[in-house]
Amino acid sequence: MKIVFTRHASVDKVAMLKRHKFVVGRKLIESVIKYPEDEDKESDFPKIIASKTIDEKHVLRVVYKRKGDIITVITFYPARKGRYY
């Protein structure tokens, strides 16, 4: 399985979240994809939204598409626990 990042997900979003004190790296994003606590495959089909706890108040949600053996990360964002699941 190969994970690729769009420009938005690899450059723009990381910098924006860093300004808001959320430091998110590739390893964390890949961990959310590989070992999610929750996966939503229906609300934004064909995109998949994987979620995993990152601290006591927040989860990290990663939006991606899977085509064959390639996963393309479109975006990701922190959300308050309980908002989505």
N, C-alpha and C. Protein backbone atom coordinates (compact mmCIF):
# COMPACT_ATOMS: atom_id res chain seq x y z
N MET A 1 0.84 -1.17 0.00
CA MET A 1 0.00 0.00 0.00
C MET A 1 0.90 1.24 0.00
N LYS A 2 0.66 2.13 -0.94
CA LYS A 2 1.42 3.36 -1.06
C LYS A 2 0.51 4.53 -0.66
N ILE A 3 1.03 5.42 0.19
CA ILE A 3 0.27 6.58 0.62
C ILE A 3 0.91 7.83 0.02
N VAL A 4 0.11 8.58 -0.74
CA VAL A 4 0.57 9.83 -1.33
C VAL A 4 -0.28 10.97 -0.78
N PHE A 5 0.30 12.16 -0.74
CA PHE A 5 -0.37 13.32 -0.19
C PHE A 5 -0.57 14.37 -1.28
N THR A 6 -1.75 14.97 -1.32
CA THR A 6 -1.95 16.10 -2.22
C THR A 6 -1.13 17.27 -1.69
N ARG A 7 -0.93 18.28 -2.51
CA ARG A 7 -0.16 19.46 -2.07
C ARG A 7 -0.85 20.09 -0.85
N HIS A 8 -2.15 20.17 -0.90
CA HIS A 8 -2.91 20.74 0.22
C HIS A 8 -2.62 19.98 1.51
N ALA A 9 -2.65 18.67 1.44
CA ALA A 9 -2.47 17.85 2.64
C ALA A 9 -1.02 17.84 3.12
N SER A 10 -0.06 17.99 2.23
CA SER A 10 1.33 17.86 2.65
C SER A 10 1.98 19.19 3.04
N VAL A 11 1.52 20.29 2.46
CA VAL A 11 2.19 21.58 2.72
C VAL A 11 1.24 22.56 3.40
N ASP A 12 0.17 22.89 2.73
CA ASP A 12 -0.72 23.95 3.21
C ASP A 12 -1.36 23.64 4.55
N LYS A 13 -1.91 22.46 4.69
CA LYS A 13 -2.66 22.10 5.90
C LYS A 13 -1.74 21.95 7.10
N VAL A 14 -0.57 21.38 6.92
CA VAL A 14 0.37 21.20 8.03
C VAL A 14 0.77 22.56 8.58
N ALA A 15 1.08 23.50 7.71
CA ALA A 15 1.49 24.84 8.14
C ALA A 15 0.34 25.56 8.85
N MET A 16 -0.85 25.45 8.31
CA MET A 16 -2.00 26.12 8.91
C MET A 16 -2.29 25.56 10.31
N LEU A 17 -2.26 24.25 10.46
CA LEU A 17 -2.53 23.65 11.78
C LEU A 17 -1.42 23.97 12.78
N LYS A 18 -0.20 24.08 12.30
CA LYS A 18 0.91 24.42 13.19
C LYS A 18 0.70 25.81 13.80
N ARG A 19 0.15 26.74 13.02
CA ARG A 19 -0.15 28.08 13.54
C ARG A 19 -1.20 28.02 14.64
N HIS A 20 -2.04 26.99 14.62
CA HIS A 20 -3.09 26.83 15.64
C HIS A 20 -2.69 25.84 16.73
N LYS A 21 -1.40 25.55 16.81
CA LYS A 21 -0.83 24.69 17.86
C LYS A 21 -1.20 23.22 17.73
N PHE A 22 -1.56 22.77 16.54
CA PHE A 22 -1.76 21.35 16.27
C PHE A 22 -0.63 20.90 15.37
N VAL A 23 0.30 20.14 15.94
CA VAL A 23 1.42 19.65 15.16
C VAL A 23 1.07 18.24 14.68
N VAL A 24 0.94 18.12 13.36
CA VAL A 24 0.55 16.85 12.75
C VAL A 24 1.58 16.48 11.70
N GLY A 25 2.11 15.27 11.81
CA GLY A 25 3.11 14.80 10.84
C GLY A 25 2.59 13.64 10.02
N ARG A 26 3.36 13.26 9.03
CA ARG A 26 2.98 12.16 8.13
C ARG A 26 2.75 10.85 8.88
N LYS A 27 3.61 10.57 9.86
CA LYS A 27 3.48 9.31 10.59
C LYS A 27 2.14 9.22 11.32
N LEU A 28 1.70 10.32 11.91
CA LEU A 28 0.41 10.33 12.60
C LEU A 28 -0.73 10.13 11.61
N ILE A 29 -0.66 10.80 10.48
CA ILE A 29 -1.70 10.66 9.46
C ILE A 29 -1.75 9.23 8.94
N GLU A 30 -0.59 8.65 8.68
CA GLU A 30 -0.54 7.25 8.21
C GLU A 30 -1.08 6.31 9.28
N SER A 31 -0.83 6.60 10.54
CA SER A 31 -1.35 5.78 11.64
C SER A 31 -2.88 5.82 11.68
N VAL A 32 -3.45 6.99 11.45
CA VAL A 32 -4.91 7.12 11.44
C VAL A 32 -5.50 6.29 10.31
N ILE A 33 -4.85 6.29 9.16
CA ILE A 33 -5.34 5.52 8.01
C ILE A 33 -5.22 4.02 8.26
N LYS A 34 -4.09 3.59 8.79
CA LYS A 34 -3.84 2.16 9.00
C LYS A 34 -4.59 1.58 10.19
N TYR A 35 -4.75 2.38 11.26
CA TYR A 35 -5.37 1.89 12.49
C TYR A 35 -6.45 2.86 12.99
N PRO A 36 -7.49 3.10 12.23
CA PRO A 36 -8.52 4.06 12.66
C PRO A 36 -9.38 3.51 13.79
N GLU A 37 -9.87 4.42 14.62
CA GLU A 37 -10.85 4.04 15.63
C GLU A 37 -12.24 4.02 15.01
N ASP A 38 -12.43 4.82 13.97
CA ASP A 38 -13.71 4.90 13.27
C ASP A 38 -13.44 5.19 11.79
N GLU A 39 -14.25 4.60 10.92
CA GLU A 39 -14.15 4.84 9.48
C GLU A 39 -15.54 5.11 8.92
N ASP A 40 -15.66 6.21 8.19
CA ASP A 40 -16.92 6.56 7.54
C ASP A 40 -16.72 6.39 6.03
N LYS A 41 -17.35 5.37 5.47
CA LYS A 41 -17.21 5.09 4.04
C LYS A 41 -18.45 5.48 3.26
N GLU A 42 -19.43 6.08 3.94
CA GLU A 42 -20.71 6.34 3.27
C GLU A 42 -21.01 7.82 3.05
N SER A 43 -20.73 8.69 4.00
CA SER A 43 -21.21 10.07 3.90
C SER A 43 -20.58 10.88 2.78
N ASP A 44 -19.38 10.55 2.35
CA ASP A 44 -18.71 11.30 1.29
C ASP A 44 -18.14 10.36 0.24
N PHE A 45 -18.87 9.28 -0.06
CA PHE A 45 -18.42 8.26 -1.00
C PHE A 45 -18.03 8.90 -2.33
N PRO A 46 -16.93 8.55 -2.94
CA PRO A 46 -16.02 7.42 -2.69
C PRO A 46 -14.89 7.74 -1.72
N LYS A 47 -14.92 8.90 -1.08
CA LYS A 47 -13.89 9.23 -0.10
C LYS A 47 -14.16 8.49 1.20
N ILE A 48 -13.08 8.22 1.92
CA ILE A 48 -13.16 7.56 3.22
C ILE A 48 -12.65 8.56 4.26
N ILE A 49 -13.33 8.62 5.40
CA ILE A 49 -12.90 9.49 6.48
C ILE A 49 -12.54 8.61 7.67
N ALA A 50 -11.24 8.57 7.99
CA ALA A 50 -10.75 7.78 9.12
C ALA A 50 -10.50 8.71 10.30
N SER A 51 -10.83 8.25 11.50
CA SER A 51 -10.68 9.07 12.71
C SER A 51 -9.96 8.30 13.80
N LYS A 52 -9.16 9.05 14.58
CA LYS A 52 -8.43 8.45 15.69
C LYS A 52 -8.17 9.52 16.74
N THR A 53 -8.22 9.15 18.00
CA THR A 53 -7.97 10.07 19.11
C THR A 53 -6.52 10.55 19.08
N ILE A 54 -6.33 11.88 19.24
CA ILE A 54 -4.97 12.42 19.31
C ILE A 54 -4.66 13.02 20.68
N ASP A 55 -5.67 13.40 21.41
CA ASP A 55 -5.50 13.82 22.81
C ASP A 55 -6.85 13.67 23.51
N GLU A 56 -6.93 14.09 24.76
CA GLU A 56 -8.16 13.84 25.52
C GLU A 56 -9.38 14.58 25.00
N LYS A 57 -9.18 15.64 24.22
CA LYS A 57 -10.31 16.42 23.72
C LYS A 57 -10.53 16.34 22.21
N HIS A 58 -9.56 15.79 21.47
CA HIS A 58 -9.63 15.85 20.01
C HIS A 58 -9.37 14.51 19.32
N VAL A 59 -9.94 14.41 18.13
CA VAL A 59 -9.64 13.32 17.22
C VAL A 59 -9.05 13.94 15.96
N LEU A 60 -8.28 13.16 15.23
CA LEU A 60 -7.78 13.60 13.93
C LEU A 60 -8.56 12.85 12.88
N ARG A 61 -9.15 13.60 11.94
CA ARG A 61 -9.93 13.01 10.85
C ARG A 61 -9.13 13.17 9.57
N VAL A 62 -8.97 12.08 8.83
CA VAL A 62 -8.21 12.07 7.59
C VAL A 62 -9.14 11.66 6.46
N VAL A 63 -9.22 12.51 5.43
CA VAL A 63 -10.07 12.24 4.27
C VAL A 63 -9.16 11.75 3.15
N TYR A 64 -9.47 10.57 2.61
CA TYR A 64 -8.62 10.02 1.56
C TYR A 64 -9.44 9.20 0.58
N LYS A 65 -8.81 8.92 -0.57
CA LYS A 65 -9.39 8.03 -1.58
C LYS A 65 -8.46 6.85 -1.76
N ARG A 66 -9.05 5.70 -2.00
CA ARG A 66 -8.27 4.49 -2.26
C ARG A 66 -8.55 4.04 -3.68
N LYS A 67 -7.49 3.86 -4.46
CA LYS A 67 -7.63 3.34 -5.82
C LYS A 67 -6.58 2.25 -5.99
N GLY A 68 -7.06 1.02 -5.98
CA GLY A 68 -6.13 -0.10 -6.04
C GLY A 68 -5.27 -0.13 -4.79
N ASP A 69 -3.95 -0.07 -5.00
CA ASP A 69 -3.01 -0.13 -3.89
C ASP A 69 -2.49 1.25 -3.49
N ILE A 70 -3.12 2.31 -4.02
CA ILE A 70 -2.67 3.66 -3.75
C ILE A 70 -3.73 4.42 -2.95
N ILE A 71 -3.28 5.01 -1.85
CA ILE A 71 -4.15 5.85 -1.02
C ILE A 71 -3.69 7.29 -1.21
N THR A 72 -4.63 8.17 -1.56
CA THR A 72 -4.34 9.58 -1.74
C THR A 72 -5.00 10.37 -0.62
N VAL A 73 -4.18 10.99 0.22
CA VAL A 73 -4.69 11.81 1.32
C VAL A 73 -5.10 13.16 0.75
N ILE A 74 -6.37 13.50 0.92
CA ILE A 74 -6.90 14.74 0.38
C ILE A 74 -6.77 15.87 1.40
N THR A 75 -7.20 15.60 2.62
CA THR A 75 -7.08 16.59 3.69
C THR A 75 -7.18 15.88 5.03
N PHE A 76 -6.97 16.62 6.09
CA PHE A 76 -7.12 16.11 7.46
C PHE A 76 -7.40 17.30 8.35
N TYR A 77 -8.03 17.02 9.48
CA TYR A 77 -8.36 18.11 10.39
C TYR A 77 -8.64 17.56 11.78
N PRO A 78 -8.30 18.35 12.81
CA PRO A 78 -8.66 17.95 14.16
C PRO A 78 -10.12 18.31 14.42
N ALA A 79 -10.79 17.52 15.25
CA ALA A 79 -12.18 17.79 15.61
C ALA A 79 -12.36 17.43 17.09
N ARG A 80 -13.32 18.06 17.70
CA ARG A 80 -13.62 17.74 19.10
C ARG A 80 -14.17 16.32 19.20
N LYS A 81 -13.76 15.63 20.23
CA LYS A 81 -14.29 14.28 20.49
C LYS A 81 -15.79 14.36 20.65
N GLY A 82 -16.50 13.40 20.09
CA GLY A 82 -17.93 13.34 20.22
C GLY A 82 -18.69 14.06 19.13
N ARG A 83 -18.00 14.85 18.35
CA ARG A 83 -18.70 15.59 17.29
C ARG A 83 -19.14 14.67 16.16
N TYR A 84 -18.32 13.71 15.81
CA TYR A 84 -18.62 12.84 14.67
C TYR A 84 -18.95 11.41 15.06
N TYR A 85 -18.37 10.93 16.13
CA TYR A 85 -18.66 9.57 16.59
C TYR A 85 -18.41 9.46 18.07
